[in-house]
């Protein structure tokens, strides 16, 4: 998907995942589909599209197969939340993440050409980057996300996770001398406001909850 359609389209279609999570959570977990949640979902998706510069001037010359590939990536990405949510009260986030990546690693070893590239790990910069990518960007990210699933509705957690491309863009500005344009700034504000929408109601409900002595 990334190699054929470009990073902006791939990221935006991947973040169709919250749509599937919201709909599937309604079916399987009976989570309410509120106006606030729908508005947050739309804002998050539009914000991501602006941040990765798919909107407002992105290319529209896309094949049906590429669009379907992107939508399917969002769907399968969403299934992690659906499969994981029911077991978060039985197992710890660390246990769930450990088994997730154990089986993922076995599958990748069997289906990829990794063994022929092992010599590359002799290079210190490759080994360091690989370890950071594996443990910081991937494992830690999934542990925190799985922890959020334990305490939040799956749909809310999925919408909040759209903050990921925002962090990537801001990191680029702070450390790689990237420059934000007006539309990216609007996108960041939209995603941040979507996070406010999905958390505000929960916060108010928590504050109104009676305290038993």
Protein backbone atom coordinates (compact mmCIF):
# COMPACT_ATOMS: atom_id res chain seq x y z
CA UNK A 1 0.00 0.00 0.00
CA UNK A 2 2.75 2.48 0.96
CA UNK A 3 4.84 1.58 -2.08
CA UNK A 4 1.98 1.96 -4.58
CA UNK A 5 -0.15 4.80 -3.22
CA UNK A 6 2.17 7.00 -1.20
CA UNK A 7 2.35 7.60 2.52
CA UNK A 8 -0.42 10.23 2.78
CA UNK A 9 -3.13 8.06 1.25
CA UNK A 10 -1.93 4.95 3.06
CA UNK A 11 -1.98 6.64 6.47
CA UNK A 12 -5.41 8.17 5.89
CA UNK A 13 -6.97 4.89 4.72
CA UNK A 14 -5.34 3.03 7.59
CA UNK A 15 -7.06 5.45 9.95
CA UNK A 16 -10.41 4.38 8.58
CA UNK A 17 -9.91 1.82 11.34
CA UNK A 18 -11.84 3.85 13.96
CA UNK A 19 -14.92 3.72 11.69
CA UNK A 20 -14.83 -0.08 11.72
CA UNK A 21 -14.09 -0.19 15.44
CA UNK A 22 -17.05 2.09 16.19
CA UNK A 23 -19.46 0.07 14.04
CA UNK A 24 -18.23 -3.34 15.23
CA UNK A 25 -18.24 -2.19 18.86
CA UNK A 26 -21.87 -1.23 18.43
CA UNK A 27 -22.64 -4.73 17.13
CA UNK A 28 -20.55 -6.86 19.49
CA UNK A 29 -20.17 -4.76 22.64
CA UNK A 30 -23.42 -2.73 22.44
CA UNK A 31 -21.46 0.51 22.77
CA UNK A 32 -23.70 3.54 22.17
CA UNK A 33 -23.29 5.35 18.84
CA UNK A 34 -23.72 8.92 20.08
CA UNK A 35 -23.70 12.14 18.06
CA UNK A 36 -20.61 13.25 19.96
CA UNK A 37 -18.76 10.06 19.02
CA UNK A 38 -19.75 10.33 15.34
CA UNK A 39 -18.65 13.99 15.24
CA UNK A 40 -15.32 13.06 16.85
CA UNK A 41 -14.82 10.27 14.33
CA UNK A 42 -15.42 12.57 11.36
CA UNK A 43 -13.13 15.25 12.79
CA UNK A 44 -10.36 12.73 13.45
CA UNK A 45 -10.46 11.32 9.92
CA UNK A 46 -10.57 14.76 8.29
CA UNK A 47 -7.79 15.94 10.57
CA UNK A 48 -5.57 12.99 9.60
CA UNK A 49 -6.21 13.67 5.92
CA UNK A 50 -5.11 17.31 6.37
CA UNK A 51 -2.08 16.39 8.47
CA UNK A 52 -0.69 13.94 5.89
CA UNK A 53 -1.63 16.43 3.13
CA UNK A 54 -4.11 14.19 1.33
CA UNK A 55 -6.52 17.12 1.69
CA UNK A 56 -7.22 19.62 0.28
CA UNK A 57 -5.05 19.08 -2.82
CA UNK A 58 -4.31 15.34 -2.76
CA UNK A 59 -4.32 13.21 -5.90
CA UNK A 60 -7.59 11.53 -6.87
CA UNK A 61 -6.15 9.26 -9.61
CA UNK A 62 -6.49 6.10 -7.56
CA UNK A 63 -7.36 2.62 -8.71
CA UNK A 64 -10.19 0.69 -7.11
CA UNK A 65 -7.78 -2.04 -5.99
CA UNK A 66 -5.60 0.47 -4.11
CA UNK A 67 -8.58 2.02 -2.36
CA UNK A 68 -9.86 -1.43 -1.37
CA UNK A 69 -6.40 -2.39 -0.10
CA UNK A 70 -6.33 0.72 2.07
CA UNK A 71 -9.83 0.15 3.43
CA UNK A 72 -9.00 -3.48 4.21
CA UNK A 73 -5.88 -2.35 6.06
CA UNK A 74 -8.11 -0.16 8.22
CA UNK A 75 -10.54 -3.02 8.77
CA UNK A 76 -7.89 -5.52 9.89
CA UNK A 77 -6.23 -2.82 11.97
CA UNK A 78 -9.59 -2.35 13.70
CA UNK A 79 -9.91 -6.04 14.50
CA UNK A 80 -7.09 -5.78 17.04
CA UNK A 81 -9.39 -3.66 19.22
CA UNK A 82 -12.35 -5.99 18.70
CA UNK A 83 -10.39 -9.16 19.50
CA UNK A 84 -8.51 -7.62 22.41
CA UNK A 85 -11.25 -5.73 24.25
CA UNK A 86 -13.03 -8.84 25.69
CA UNK A 87 -9.83 -10.21 27.25
CA UNK A 88 -8.42 -7.01 28.75
CA UNK A 89 -10.15 -7.74 32.06
CA UNK A 90 -8.69 -11.25 32.17
CA UNK A 91 -5.10 -10.64 31.12
CA UNK A 92 -2.70 -7.76 31.60
CA UNK A 93 -1.77 -5.50 28.66
CA UNK A 94 1.80 -6.85 28.84
CA UNK A 95 0.59 -10.45 28.52
CA UNK A 96 -1.68 -9.61 25.58
CA UNK A 97 1.06 -7.68 23.80
CA UNK A 98 3.61 -10.45 24.41
CA UNK A 99 1.43 -13.11 22.81
CA UNK A 100 0.44 -10.76 19.99
CA UNK A 101 4.02 -10.13 18.93
CA UNK A 102 5.11 -13.72 19.58
CA UNK A 103 2.67 -15.03 16.99
CA UNK A 104 3.30 -12.07 14.70
CA UNK A 105 7.06 -12.73 14.77
CA UNK A 106 6.58 -16.42 13.96
CA UNK A 107 4.36 -15.55 11.00
CA UNK A 108 6.82 -12.97 9.68
CA UNK A 109 9.76 -15.36 9.99
CA UNK A 110 7.89 -17.97 7.95
CA UNK A 111 6.64 -15.62 5.24
CA UNK A 112 9.39 -13.01 4.87
CA UNK A 113 12.92 -13.08 3.50
CA UNK A 114 14.35 -11.84 6.78
CA UNK A 115 16.87 -14.65 7.16
CA UNK A 116 18.74 -13.56 4.05
CA UNK A 117 19.08 -10.04 5.50
CA UNK A 118 20.48 -11.01 8.91
CA UNK A 119 23.95 -9.79 7.96
CA UNK A 120 22.62 -6.22 7.98
CA UNK A 121 22.17 -6.39 11.75
CA UNK A 122 25.95 -6.42 12.13
CA UNK A 123 25.84 -2.69 11.43
CA UNK A 124 25.43 -0.78 14.74
CA UNK A 125 23.09 1.86 13.27
CA UNK A 126 20.80 -0.80 11.76
CA UNK A 127 20.71 -2.80 15.02
CA UNK A 128 20.04 0.32 17.13
CA UNK A 129 17.27 1.55 14.83
CA UNK A 130 15.68 -1.91 14.74
CA UNK A 131 15.65 -2.22 18.53
CA UNK A 132 14.19 1.26 18.98
CA UNK A 133 11.55 0.61 16.34
CA UNK A 134 10.63 -2.73 17.89
CA UNK A 135 10.51 -1.81 21.57
CA UNK A 136 9.70 1.92 21.65
CA UNK A 137 7.58 2.59 18.58
CA UNK A 138 5.85 -0.78 18.39
CA UNK A 139 5.77 -2.73 21.66
CA UNK A 140 5.36 0.28 23.96
CA UNK A 141 2.71 1.74 21.66
CA UNK A 142 0.64 -1.44 21.77
CA UNK A 143 1.05 -1.83 25.53
CA UNK A 144 -0.27 1.70 26.12
CA UNK A 145 -3.08 1.22 23.60
CA UNK A 146 -4.10 -2.11 25.15
CA UNK A 147 -4.06 -0.48 28.58
CA UNK A 148 -6.42 2.18 27.22
CA UNK A 149 -8.74 -0.54 25.88
CA UNK A 150 -9.02 -1.91 29.40
CA UNK A 151 -10.45 1.35 30.72
CA UNK A 152 -12.21 2.85 27.67
CA UNK A 153 -14.78 1.79 25.13
CA UNK A 154 -13.06 0.32 22.08
CA UNK A 155 -14.47 3.06 19.85
CA UNK A 156 -13.19 5.84 22.12
CA UNK A 157 -9.72 4.29 22.37
CA UNK A 158 -9.55 3.90 18.59
CA UNK A 159 -10.51 7.52 17.94
CA UNK A 160 -7.97 8.73 20.50
CA UNK A 161 -5.29 6.67 18.72
CA UNK A 162 -5.60 8.95 15.68
CA UNK A 163 -3.27 11.26 17.60
CA UNK A 164 -0.42 9.10 16.22
CA UNK A 165 0.17 10.99 12.93
CA UNK A 166 -0.06 14.25 14.88
CA UNK A 167 2.81 13.16 17.11
CA UNK A 168 4.80 12.16 14.02
CA UNK A 169 4.34 15.57 12.40
CA UNK A 170 5.13 17.51 15.59
CA UNK A 171 8.23 15.36 16.17
CA UNK A 172 9.35 16.20 12.66
CA UNK A 173 8.93 19.91 13.37
CA UNK A 174 10.84 19.73 16.66
CA UNK A 175 13.71 17.46 15.65
CA UNK A 176 13.90 17.33 11.83
CA UNK A 177 13.29 21.00 10.98
CA UNK A 178 10.03 20.24 9.18
CA UNK A 179 7.62 23.14 8.66
CA UNK A 180 3.88 22.97 9.32
CA UNK A 181 1.59 24.52 6.75
CA UNK A 182 -1.82 26.03 7.47
CA UNK A 183 -3.80 22.91 6.50
CA UNK A 184 -1.66 20.64 8.67
CA UNK A 185 -2.24 22.98 11.60
CA UNK A 186 -5.99 22.84 10.98
CA UNK A 187 -5.75 19.03 10.86
CA UNK A 188 -3.91 18.90 14.19
CA UNK A 189 -6.54 21.10 15.82
CA UNK A 190 -9.32 18.89 14.39
CA UNK A 191 -7.78 15.68 15.75
CA UNK A 192 -7.11 17.24 19.15
CA UNK A 193 -10.68 18.50 19.35
CA UNK A 194 -11.97 15.03 18.42
CA UNK A 195 -10.06 13.73 21.45
CA UNK A 196 -11.80 16.35 23.60
CA UNK A 197 -15.19 15.27 22.25
CA UNK A 198 -14.75 11.60 23.08
CA UNK A 199 -13.33 12.21 26.57
CA UNK A 200 -15.37 15.18 27.80
CA UNK A 201 -18.58 13.28 28.43
CA UNK A 202 -16.75 10.54 30.31
CA UNK A 203 -14.99 13.13 32.47
CA UNK A 204 -18.26 14.85 33.35
CA UNK A 205 -19.88 11.52 34.19
CA UNK A 206 -16.97 10.68 36.48
CA UNK A 207 -17.26 14.01 38.25
CA UNK A 208 -21.00 13.55 38.82
CA UNK A 209 -20.58 10.03 40.20
CA UNK A 210 -21.60 10.01 43.89
CA UNK A 211 -18.88 9.31 46.42
CA UNK A 212 -19.75 6.63 48.97
CA UNK A 213 -18.25 6.98 52.39
